Protein backbone atom coordinates (compact mmCIF):
# COMPACT_ATOMS: atom_id res chain seq x y z
CA MET A 1 -0.09 -0.01 0.01
CA GLN A 2 2.83 2.28 0.79
CA LYS A 3 4.66 1.69 -2.24
CA ASN A 4 1.36 2.22 -4.24
CA LEU A 5 1.00 5.77 -2.49
CA PHE A 6 4.50 6.63 -3.26
CA ILE A 7 3.90 6.04 -7.05
CA VAL A 8 0.78 8.08 -7.28
CA LEU A 9 2.55 10.86 -5.51
CA THR A 10 5.55 10.65 -7.95
CA ILE A 11 3.53 10.75 -11.07
CA LEU A 12 1.37 13.73 -9.46
CA LEU A 13 4.74 15.70 -8.93
CA LEU A 14 6.27 14.66 -12.33
CA VAL A 15 3.04 15.84 -13.96
CA ARG A 16 2.84 19.20 -11.78
CA SER A 17 6.53 20.12 -12.15
CA ALA A 18 6.22 19.46 -16.05
CA SER A 19 3.36 21.80 -16.41
CA HIS A 20 5.28 24.80 -14.13
CA ALA A 21 8.34 24.32 -16.43
CA GLN A 22 6.32 24.76 -19.60
CA GLU A 23 4.28 27.29 -18.36
CA GLY A 24 6.45 30.13 -19.63
CA HIS A 25 6.25 28.57 -22.91
CA THR A 26 2.51 27.70 -23.29
CA LEU A 27 0.18 30.13 -25.59
CA VAL A 28 -3.06 30.22 -24.29
CA LEU A 29 -5.68 30.57 -26.98
CA THR A 30 -9.57 31.62 -27.41
CA LEU A 31 -11.54 30.86 -30.05
CA PRO A 32 -11.66 34.37 -31.42
CA ALA A 33 -7.63 34.56 -31.01
CA THR A 34 -7.54 31.35 -32.97
CA ILE A 35 -9.54 32.45 -35.81
CA GLU A 36 -7.59 35.77 -36.07
CA ARG A 37 -4.50 34.07 -36.35
CA ALA A 38 -5.75 31.31 -38.99
CA GLN A 39 -6.87 34.03 -41.34
CA GLY A 40 -3.82 36.06 -40.90
CA GLN A 41 -1.15 33.29 -40.92
CA SER A 42 -2.47 29.72 -42.12
CA PRO A 43 -1.62 28.29 -45.70
CA ASP A 44 -5.11 28.37 -46.59
CA ALA A 45 -5.17 32.12 -45.79
CA ALA A 46 -2.12 32.81 -47.95
CA ALA A 47 -3.52 30.73 -50.81
CA ALA A 48 -6.93 32.80 -50.98
CA ARG A 49 -4.93 36.14 -50.95
CA HIS A 50 -3.26 34.72 -54.07
CA THR A 51 -6.21 33.60 -55.48
CA TYR A 52 -7.81 37.04 -55.20
CA ARG A 53 -4.84 39.03 -56.27
CA ALA A 54 -4.64 36.78 -59.73
CA ALA A 55 -8.16 37.28 -60.30
CA TYR A 56 -7.91 40.86 -59.43
CA TRP A 57 -5.21 41.31 -62.44
CA ASN A 58 -7.19 39.04 -64.78
CA TYR A 59 -10.22 41.73 -64.28
CA GLN A 60 -8.00 44.44 -64.85
CA TYR A 61 -6.47 42.86 -67.98
CA TYR A 62 -9.94 42.34 -69.19
CA ARG A 63 -11.02 46.08 -68.70
CA ALA A 64 -7.81 47.14 -70.74
CA ASN A 65 -9.27 45.47 -73.64
CA TYR A 66 -11.97 47.99 -73.62
CA LEU A 67 -9.67 50.79 -73.29
CA PRO A 68 -7.78 52.85 -76.17
CA SER A 69 -3.99 51.32 -76.85
CA LEU A 70 -1.17 53.65 -77.70
CA THR A 71 1.82 51.68 -79.43
CA LEU A 72 5.12 52.79 -81.26
CA THR A 73 6.54 50.18 -83.37
CA SER A 74 9.54 50.29 -85.43
CA ASN A 75 11.42 47.45 -87.65
CA PRO A 76 14.83 48.36 -88.89
CA GLU A 77 16.53 46.22 -91.37
CA LEU A 78 19.80 46.12 -92.82
CA ASN A 79 20.24 44.05 -96.21
CA ARG A 80 23.19 43.86 -97.82
CA ALA A 81 23.17 40.88 -100.69
CA ILE A 82 23.05 40.15 -104.20
CA ASN A 83 19.63 40.02 -105.23
CA SER A 84 17.77 39.23 -108.64
CA VAL A 85 16.11 42.27 -110.20
CA THR A 86 13.59 42.41 -113.13
CA GLN A 87 14.88 44.74 -115.63
CA PRO A 88 12.09 46.76 -118.03
CA ASP A 89 12.73 44.55 -120.70
CA GLY A 90 11.73 41.39 -118.82
CA THR A 91 15.31 40.05 -118.35
CA ILE A 92 16.92 39.40 -114.76
CA LYS A 93 20.10 40.70 -113.49
CA PHE A 94 21.61 40.19 -110.08
CA VAL A 95 22.50 43.46 -108.55
CA ARG A 96 24.39 43.79 -105.35
CA GLN A 97 22.38 46.08 -102.97
CA ASP A 98 23.23 47.87 -99.79
CA VAL A 99 19.86 48.99 -98.02
CA LEU A 100 19.02 50.18 -94.91
CA ASN A 101 15.37 50.25 -94.24
CA SER A 102 13.82 51.89 -91.02
CA ASN A 103 10.41 52.85 -90.17
CA LEU A 104 8.13 54.24 -87.15
CA THR A 105 4.62 53.84 -86.79
CA LEU A 106 2.50 55.64 -83.96
CA GLY A 107 -0.78 54.45 -83.60
CA ILE A 108 -3.86 54.35 -81.17
CA THR A 109 -6.33 51.48 -81.29
CA GLN A 110 -9.85 51.03 -79.69
CA ASN A 111 -11.84 48.00 -79.58
CA ILE A 112 -15.44 48.13 -80.67
CA PRO A 113 -17.45 45.86 -78.02
CA PHE A 114 -20.72 46.06 -79.98
CA THR A 115 -19.24 44.87 -83.07
CA GLY A 116 -16.36 42.96 -82.20
CA GLY A 117 -14.15 45.12 -84.45
CA SER A 118 -11.28 47.60 -83.82
CA LEU A 119 -10.44 51.21 -85.07
CA SER A 120 -7.15 52.18 -85.44
CA VAL A 121 -5.37 55.64 -86.16
CA GLN A 122 -1.97 55.50 -87.20
CA THR A 123 0.87 58.03 -88.31
CA ALA A 124 3.87 56.34 -89.96
CA ALA A 125 7.21 57.17 -91.93
CA GLN A 126 9.87 55.19 -93.35
CA ARG A 127 13.27 55.96 -94.71
CA SER A 128 15.52 53.98 -97.10
CA ASP A 129 19.28 54.45 -97.32
CA GLN A 130 21.22 53.16 -100.62
CA LEU A 131 24.54 52.57 -98.74
CA SER A 132 26.32 51.88 -102.25
CA ASN A 133 25.49 55.42 -103.48
CA HIS A 134 24.80 57.21 -100.27
CA THR A 135 21.36 58.29 -101.22
CA ALA A 136 18.07 58.47 -99.40
CA SER A 137 14.28 58.49 -99.78
CA TRP A 138 11.38 58.87 -97.52
CA GLN A 139 7.80 57.72 -97.57
CA THR A 140 5.34 58.85 -95.31
CA SER A 141 1.27 58.23 -93.78
CA PRO A 142 0.80 61.50 -92.05
CA VAL A 143 -2.64 59.90 -91.28
CA ASN A 144 -4.26 56.25 -91.52
CA ILE A 145 -7.62 55.34 -90.52
CA ILE A 146 -8.22 51.57 -90.16
CA TYR A 147 -11.17 49.38 -89.28
CA GLN A 148 -11.25 45.64 -89.09
CA GLN A 149 -14.23 43.67 -88.56
CA ASP A 150 -15.15 39.97 -88.49
CA LEU A 151 -18.63 39.99 -90.01
CA PHE A 152 -20.23 36.78 -88.80
CA GLY A 153 -17.64 35.65 -86.45
CA TYR A 154 -17.84 35.02 -82.56
CA ASN A 155 -17.73 38.38 -80.74
CA SER A 156 -15.46 37.41 -77.87
CA LEU A 157 -15.53 41.19 -76.41
CA ARG A 158 -19.03 41.09 -76.23
CA TRP A 159 -19.52 37.88 -74.29
CA ASP A 160 -16.40 38.68 -72.07
CA ARG A 161 -18.26 41.85 -71.02
CA ARG A 162 -21.18 39.61 -69.78
CA ILE A 163 -18.88 36.86 -68.29
CA GLU A 164 -15.83 38.34 -66.93
CA PRO A 165 -17.65 41.13 -64.25
CA VAL A 166 -19.47 38.00 -63.11
CA ARG A 167 -16.16 36.24 -62.67
CA TYR A 168 -14.66 38.99 -60.70
CA ARG A 169 -17.76 39.05 -58.36
CA GLU A 170 -17.34 35.73 -57.82
CA ALA A 171 -13.68 36.00 -56.81
CA LYS A 172 -14.64 38.77 -54.61
CA LYS A 173 -17.17 36.85 -52.70
CA THR A 174 -14.85 33.48 -52.71
CA TYR A 175 -12.37 35.34 -51.00
CA VAL A 176 -14.93 36.20 -48.11
CA GLU A 177 -16.18 32.74 -47.99
CA THR A 178 -12.78 31.35 -47.95
CA LEU A 179 -11.94 33.52 -44.67
CA GLU A 180 -15.24 31.86 -43.17
CA LEU A 181 -14.36 28.67 -44.19
CA ILE A 182 -10.66 29.00 -42.38
CA ALA A 183 -12.99 29.98 -39.40
CA ALA A 184 -14.62 26.90 -39.48
CA GLU A 185 -11.44 24.81 -40.07
CA ALA A 186 -9.73 26.67 -37.16
CA THR A 187 -13.01 26.21 -34.85
CA LYS A 188 -12.72 22.48 -35.78
CA ARG A 189 -9.00 22.08 -34.93
CA PHE A 190 -9.48 24.38 -31.91
CA PHE A 191 -12.27 22.16 -30.26
CA ASP A 192 -9.93 18.79 -31.37
CA LEU A 193 -7.51 20.47 -29.04
CA ALA A 194 -10.35 21.39 -26.59
CA THR A 195 -11.35 17.62 -26.79
CA ALA A 196 -7.87 16.28 -26.33
CA GLN A 197 -7.25 18.64 -23.64
CA SER A 198 -10.36 17.64 -21.86
CA ASN A 199 -9.70 13.87 -22.41
CA TYR A 200 -6.30 14.31 -20.72
CA GLU A 201 -7.98 16.18 -17.78
CA ILE A 202 -10.36 13.50 -17.10
CA ALA A 203 -7.75 10.55 -17.96
CA SER A 204 -5.49 12.41 -15.19
CA THR A 205 -8.49 12.68 -12.69
CA ASN A 206 -9.70 9.41 -13.42
CA TYR A 207 -6.46 7.56 -12.94
CA ALA A 208 -5.89 9.59 -9.65
CA ASN A 209 -9.12 8.42 -8.45
CA ALA A 210 -8.89 4.86 -9.27
CA ASP A 211 -5.12 4.46 -7.77
CA THR A 212 -6.72 6.08 -4.58
CA LEU A 213 -9.82 3.86 -4.45
CA TYR A 214 -7.58 0.82 -5.20
CA ILE A 215 -5.25 1.76 -2.20
CA TYR A 216 -8.53 1.99 -0.39
CA ALA A 217 -10.06 -1.29 -1.19
CA GLN A 218 -6.65 -3.31 -0.25
CA GLY A 219 -7.31 -1.85 3.32
CA ARG A 220 -10.82 -2.85 3.08
CA TYR A 221 -9.95 -6.30 1.74
CA ASN A 222 -7.35 -6.90 4.33
CA ILE A 223 -10.03 -6.47 6.91
CA GLY A 224 -12.50 -8.46 4.97
CA THR A 225 -15.11 -5.88 4.19
CA ILE A 226 -15.04 -6.25 0.32
CA THR A 227 -14.49 -9.12 -1.42
CA GLU A 228 -11.59 -10.41 -3.67
CA ASN A 229 -13.60 -9.73 -7.18
CA GLU A 230 -14.34 -6.35 -6.17
CA MET A 231 -10.82 -5.50 -5.48
CA LEU A 232 -9.77 -6.98 -8.79
CA GLN A 233 -12.30 -5.12 -10.46
CA LEU A 234 -10.61 -1.88 -8.86
CA GLU A 235 -7.19 -2.97 -9.77
CA VAL A 236 -8.40 -3.42 -13.62
CA ASN A 237 -10.02 0.08 -13.61
CA LYS A 238 -6.65 1.56 -12.50
CA LEU A 239 -4.57 -0.41 -15.14
CA SER A 240 -7.33 0.92 -17.45
CA GLU A 241 -7.24 4.32 -16.42
CA GLU A 242 -3.31 4.42 -16.62
CA THR A 243 -3.52 3.29 -20.31
CA ASN A 244 -6.39 5.91 -21.05
CA LEU A 245 -3.77 8.57 -19.61
CA MET A 246 -1.10 7.49 -21.70
CA ASN A 247 -3.32 7.38 -24.96
CA ALA A 248 -4.82 11.00 -24.02
CA GLN A 249 -1.49 12.23 -23.73
CA ILE A 250 -0.33 11.31 -27.34
CA ALA A 251 -3.70 12.48 -28.36
CA LEU A 252 -3.05 16.00 -26.83
CA LYS A 253 0.39 16.23 -28.54
CA ASP A 254 -1.04 15.11 -31.66
CA ALA A 255 -3.94 18.07 -31.43
CA ILE A 256 -1.22 20.47 -30.31
CA GLU A 257 0.93 19.97 -33.42
CA SER A 258 -2.15 20.12 -35.86
CA LEU A 259 -3.18 23.44 -34.54
CA ARG A 260 0.05 25.03 -34.25
CA SER A 261 0.84 24.01 -37.97
CA TYR A 262 -2.54 25.21 -39.42
CA LEU A 263 -1.92 28.55 -37.31
CA GLY A 264 1.40 29.14 -38.93
CA ILE A 265 3.19 29.13 -35.46
CA HIS A 266 6.93 27.89 -35.85
CA GLU A 267 8.00 28.47 -32.18
CA GLU A 268 8.33 25.59 -30.05
CA MET A 269 5.71 26.23 -27.59
CA ASP A 270 2.69 24.30 -26.12
CA LEU A 271 -0.98 25.38 -26.85
CA LYS A 272 -3.76 25.73 -24.32
CA VAL A 273 -7.41 26.42 -25.27
CA ASP A 274 -9.81 28.70 -23.09
CA ILE A 275 -13.36 27.55 -23.84
CA ALA A 276 -16.32 29.69 -23.21
CA ASP A 277 -19.06 27.75 -21.95
CA SER A 278 -21.73 30.25 -22.81
CA VAL A 279 -22.72 31.07 -26.62
CA PRO A 280 -25.00 33.78 -28.24
CA ALA A 281 -28.62 33.25 -27.98
CA THR A 282 -28.57 34.13 -31.89
CA GLN A 283 -31.64 33.29 -33.83
CA VAL A 284 -31.33 33.35 -37.73
CA PRO A 285 -34.78 34.15 -39.55
CA LEU A 286 -34.97 31.74 -42.42
CA ASP A 287 -36.15 34.19 -45.14
CA GLU A 288 -33.50 36.42 -44.14
CA ALA A 289 -30.84 33.73 -44.75
CA LEU A 290 -32.14 32.79 -48.11
CA GLN A 291 -32.28 36.38 -49.31
CA LEU A 292 -28.77 36.94 -48.18
CA ALA A 293 -27.41 33.63 -49.48
CA ARG A 294 -29.00 34.48 -53.12
CA GLN A 295 -27.46 37.98 -53.07
CA ASN A 296 -23.96 37.17 -51.31
CA SER A 297 -23.01 33.49 -51.86
CA PRO A 298 -20.26 32.97 -54.74
CA ASP A 299 -22.27 29.57 -55.29
CA ILE A 300 -24.90 31.73 -57.12
CA GLU A 301 -22.27 33.65 -59.15
CA ASN A 302 -20.64 30.41 -59.95
CA MET A 303 -24.05 29.29 -61.36
CA HIS A 304 -24.71 32.34 -63.40
CA ARG A 305 -21.14 32.48 -64.71
CA ARG A 306 -21.33 28.82 -65.89
CA GLN A 307 -24.90 29.35 -67.73
CA LEU A 308 -23.26 32.61 -69.50
CA GLU A 309 -20.26 30.35 -70.39
CA GLY A 310 -22.48 27.59 -71.87
CA GLN A 311 -24.43 30.20 -74.10
CA SER A 312 -20.99 31.85 -75.23
CA ALA A 313 -20.02 28.34 -76.37
CA VAL A 314 -22.79 27.89 -78.51
CA ALA A 315 -22.62 31.52 -80.13
CA GLN A 316 -18.93 30.28 -80.82
CA ALA A 317 -19.93 27.01 -82.46
CA ARG A 318 -22.48 28.43 -84.33
CA ALA A 319 -19.98 31.33 -85.47
CA ASN A 320 -17.46 28.57 -86.43
CA ALA A 321 -19.92 26.43 -88.26
CA GLY A 322 -21.09 29.08 -90.37
CA LEU A 323 -20.28 31.55 -93.22
CA LYS A 324 -17.39 33.36 -92.04
CA ALA A 325 -16.35 37.02 -93.72
CA ASP A 326 -14.13 39.52 -92.62
CA ILE A 327 -13.58 43.19 -93.72
CA TYR A 328 -10.35 45.38 -93.66
CA LEU A 329 -10.97 49.26 -94.69
CA ARG A 330 -8.06 51.75 -94.63
CA PHE A 331 -8.36 55.36 -95.57
CA GLY A 332 -5.50 58.09 -95.11
CA LEU A 333 -2.93 60.12 -96.99
CA THR A 334 0.55 59.31 -98.14
CA GLN A 335 3.78 60.74 -100.06
CA THR A 336 7.08 60.12 -100.93
CA GLY A 337 10.26 62.54 -101.18
CA ASN A 338 13.90 62.47 -101.32
CA LYS A 339 13.95 64.71 -98.14
CA PHE A 340 11.85 64.46 -94.70
CA LYS A 341 9.86 67.55 -95.51
CA GLU A 342 9.06 66.67 -99.17
CA ALA A 343 7.47 63.52 -98.19
CA TYR A 344 4.54 65.59 -96.29
CA GLU A 345 4.09 67.87 -98.94
CA ARG A 346 0.75 67.55 -100.70
CA PRO A 347 -0.06 64.17 -99.66
CA LEU A 348 -2.11 61.85 -101.86
CA ASP A 349 -4.99 59.90 -100.92
CA GLN A 350 -4.83 56.02 -100.39
CA GLN A 351 -7.50 53.70 -99.71
CA ARG A 352 -7.53 49.68 -99.20
CA ILE A 353 -10.68 47.87 -98.94
CA THR A 354 -10.28 43.91 -98.57
CA LEU A 355 -13.22 41.72 -97.96
CA GLY A 356 -12.25 37.94 -97.17
CA ILE A 357 -15.38 35.15 -97.51
CA THR A 358 -15.24 31.37 -96.39
CA LEU A 359 -18.35 29.31 -96.70
CA PRO A 360 -17.98 25.81 -95.71
CA ILE A 361 -19.48 23.62 -98.59
CA LEU A 362 -18.80 20.06 -97.52
CA ASP A 363 -17.81 19.46 -93.53
CA TRP A 364 -19.29 15.97 -93.35
CA GLY A 365 -21.39 17.69 -90.52
CA ARG A 366 -18.55 18.84 -88.39
CA GLY A 367 -19.76 22.31 -87.96
CA LYS A 368 -23.56 21.10 -87.39
CA GLY A 369 -22.07 18.47 -84.47
CA GLN A 370 -20.27 20.99 -82.89
CA VAL A 371 -23.07 23.20 -82.41
CA ARG A 372 -25.12 20.26 -81.23
CA VAL A 373 -22.71 19.14 -78.63
CA ALA A 374 -22.47 23.10 -77.55
CA ARG A 375 -26.25 23.10 -77.12
CA SER A 376 -26.15 19.93 -75.29
CA ASN A 377 -23.43 21.53 -72.83
CA ARG A 378 -25.50 24.28 -72.39
CA ASP A 379 -28.77 22.40 -71.54
CA LEU A 380 -26.96 20.03 -69.37
CA ILE A 381 -25.49 23.06 -67.33
CA ASN A 382 -29.01 24.76 -66.95
CA THR A 383 -30.42 21.17 -65.71
CA GLN A 384 -27.31 20.99 -63.21
CA VAL A 385 -27.71 24.76 -62.10
CA GLU A 386 -31.55 24.50 -61.33
CA GLN A 387 -30.88 21.17 -58.98
CA GLN A 388 -28.23 22.83 -57.55
CA LYS A 389 -30.25 25.95 -56.63
CA THR A 390 -32.77 23.68 -55.08
CA ASP A 391 -29.88 21.49 -53.20
CA PHE A 392 -28.43 25.22 -52.16
CA GLU A 393 -32.01 26.37 -50.62
CA GLN A 394 -32.36 23.10 -48.85
CA ASN A 395 -29.05 22.89 -47.43
CA ILE A 396 -29.62 26.48 -45.95
CA ARG A 397 -33.03 25.33 -44.54
CA LYS A 398 -31.19 22.64 -42.80
CA LEU A 399 -28.41 24.85 -41.56
CA VAL A 400 -30.83 27.52 -40.20
CA MET A 401 -33.05 25.12 -38.12
CA GLN A 402 -29.88 23.30 -36.51
CA PHE A 403 -28.34 26.29 -35.66
CA ASN A 404 -31.43 27.90 -33.87
CA LEU A 405 -31.66 24.53 -31.74
CA GLN A 406 -28.16 24.62 -31.04
CA ALA A 407 -28.04 27.15 -28.59
CA ARG A 408 -30.57 25.43 -26.39
CA ARG A 409 -28.71 22.11 -27.18
CA VAL A 410 -25.50 23.86 -25.56
CA GLU A 411 -27.39 25.05 -22.51
CA VAL A 412 -28.94 21.28 -22.01
CA ALA A 413 -25.42 19.88 -22.30
CA THR A 414 -23.91 22.31 -19.92
CA ARG A 415 -26.35 21.46 -17.52
CA THR A 416 -25.86 17.85 -18.06
CA ASP A 417 -22.27 18.10 -17.65
CA GLU A 418 -22.73 19.86 -14.22
CA THR A 419 -25.12 17.35 -13.13
CA ALA A 420 -23.12 14.34 -14.03
CA GLN A 421 -20.23 15.80 -12.35
CA ARG A 422 -22.17 15.99 -9.14
CA ARG A 423 -23.19 12.74 -9.28
CA ALA A 424 -19.69 11.17 -9.71
CA ASP A 425 -18.64 13.05 -6.71
CA VAL A 426 -21.62 11.72 -4.64
CA ALA A 427 -20.87 7.92 -5.95
CA ARG A 428 -17.42 8.72 -4.93
CA ARG A 429 -18.05 9.28 -1.48
CA LEU A 430 -20.80 6.64 -1.08
CA TYR A 431 -18.45 4.07 -2.29
CA LEU A 432 -16.03 5.35 0.17
CA LEU A 433 -18.51 4.90 3.05
CA GLY A 434 -19.42 1.50 1.86
CA LYS A 435 -22.87 2.58 0.82
CA SER A 436 -22.54 1.82 -3.07
CA THR A 437 -21.08 -0.86 -5.53
CA VAL A 438 -18.27 -0.55 -7.74
CA LEU A 439 -20.61 -0.83 -10.66
CA ASP A 440 -22.59 2.44 -9.63
CA LEU A 441 -19.06 4.14 -9.36
CA ASN A 442 -18.27 3.07 -12.68
CA ALA A 443 -21.54 4.02 -14.22
CA SER A 444 -21.09 7.33 -12.69
CA ILE A 445 -17.69 7.85 -14.23
CA THR A 446 -18.36 6.92 -17.76
CA GLU A 447 -21.75 9.25 -17.44
CA LYS A 448 -19.20 12.21 -16.30
CA ASP A 449 -16.82 11.44 -19.08
CA LYS A 450 -19.23 11.48 -21.80
CA ALA A 451 -21.04 14.34 -20.53
CA ARG A 452 -18.22 16.29 -20.41
CA ARG A 453 -17.45 15.39 -24.21
CA ASP A 454 -20.86 16.12 -25.25
CA HIS A 455 -20.47 19.70 -23.82
CA ILE A 456 -17.54 20.27 -25.89
CA SER A 457 -19.18 18.58 -28.78
CA ALA A 458 -22.05 20.84 -28.45
CA LEU A 459 -20.04 24.02 -28.31
CA TYR A 460 -18.09 22.88 -31.27
CA ASN A 461 -21.41 22.23 -33.11
CA TYR A 462 -22.77 25.77 -32.50
CA TRP A 463 -19.57 27.58 -33.66
CA SER A 464 -19.32 25.28 -36.65
CA LEU A 465 -22.72 26.08 -37.63
CA PHE A 466 -22.29 29.56 -36.98
CA TYR A 467 -19.17 30.19 -39.34
CA THR A 468 -20.66 27.77 -41.97
CA LEU A 469 -23.95 30.01 -42.18
CA ARG A 470 -21.77 32.87 -42.33
CA SER A 471 -19.67 31.37 -45.22
CA ILE A 472 -22.79 31.20 -47.47
CA THR A 473 -24.57 34.23 -46.43
CA LEU A 474 -21.53 36.43 -46.11
CA TYR A 475 -23.30 38.13 -43.00
CA ASP A 476 -22.71 38.11 -39.41
CA PHE A 477 -25.80 37.25 -37.75
CA GLU A 478 -24.50 38.23 -34.04
CA LYS A 479 -23.57 41.77 -35.03
CA ASN A 480 -26.22 41.95 -37.95
CA ARG A 481 -23.64 43.35 -40.56
CA GLU A 482 -22.28 41.97 -43.83
CA LEU A 483 -18.84 40.87 -43.78
CA THR A 484 -16.68 43.38 -45.99
CA PRO A 485 -12.90 42.57 -45.39
CA ASP A 486 -10.55 45.15 -46.71
CA LEU A 487 -9.94 43.83 -50.54
CA HIS A 488 -7.70 46.87 -51.39
CA SER A 489 -5.09 46.18 -48.87
CA LEU A 490 -4.42 42.86 -50.80
CA ILE A 491 -3.31 44.33 -53.96
CA LYS A 492 -1.25 47.10 -52.91
């Protein structure tokens, strides 16, 4: 008996000294602090920021297609070779040529979204130097107006104008949604640690109590007040609780490492969570949640974008299958001269009109097949979207119903935990007084441990539902405001 008591005291002293030694290196986290760290430092948060930045610059690239562009081009060329030159009488003579050609073109171009064409205004100058005889000539185009148009083709500018703003809105909402999903994941890991922490505390307490009862039972057995079977049962309880304590310690270490990794904490330190037993008594109106979800959820934007992309694919397939025609119009002024000034005197008119037509006569149904495939894909997308909208609303109804009941479940679980703890204390005292059996004692301990775990599980379910609802509606029902993170700071 004295030996067992010495072992128990030694274990308790070691645990206590270890906890004091690590006290200075333990970070105590509340749930809000954990979520704040996760949204700022977790790998998922970094990935979300980079994804949003890519979407932002893609959107800026799209917008630039509708703004005028100013370009300056030059293609100087030096040609020293023996070339064949056709003479006036039709004969060919090989002549050595040393020519330096240089040019400069300044142009401004504006795309026309309504038609899909482009309008350009250019001014250009070209100089040709004959290096062999040191002569030069100029050719200038003071002004040229150019218009290019695909008459029956696919107008990507018009379709991009419908699709890209939806894509960017989806990206913005997806970033906010991702932050809330990160909060939900941080909540899960927080309560994983809370469960492991609670299990370790339960195992430590149960082991100490089981050892104390076993020592006490040995004394009662020696004086004949309990049977050998009862004493052996208490010894089995003690050994089981010792195994539970070791398993709980391993699980606690794993939960600490998991949370520390997710929060981006690289320092060697222990983590401890501080759980608030109470939760806000927030009630979410179903109609309001549905309206906010339809308005704010990136899933709705995703469905709309996919439908537009399906329609765009059909338009493109039709354009590729039918008559193709493009027109090129160029009007302007031009002149030549041996001197730069002369090349701008009394400029002459110049015009160029080109019309290209392609009509598929025999393609073995290739174009028609592409159109039918595009239509089939569009109809499939529309069907999928309608089903997804139905599932989306059903999911919100389910989440709202569960969330509105969860606060009451937390309250019941809290009271059950407190009652089970008191019952276990009473059962232990009754057993020590010899007024209860070991079976009643074990049952009270099992109920106490289950009630504690159920309490933590109820708290986790509440906060998991809370942040899941926020991720779908992008709305904080506790503070009655929309979630609006500072997106401008992400692109600086």
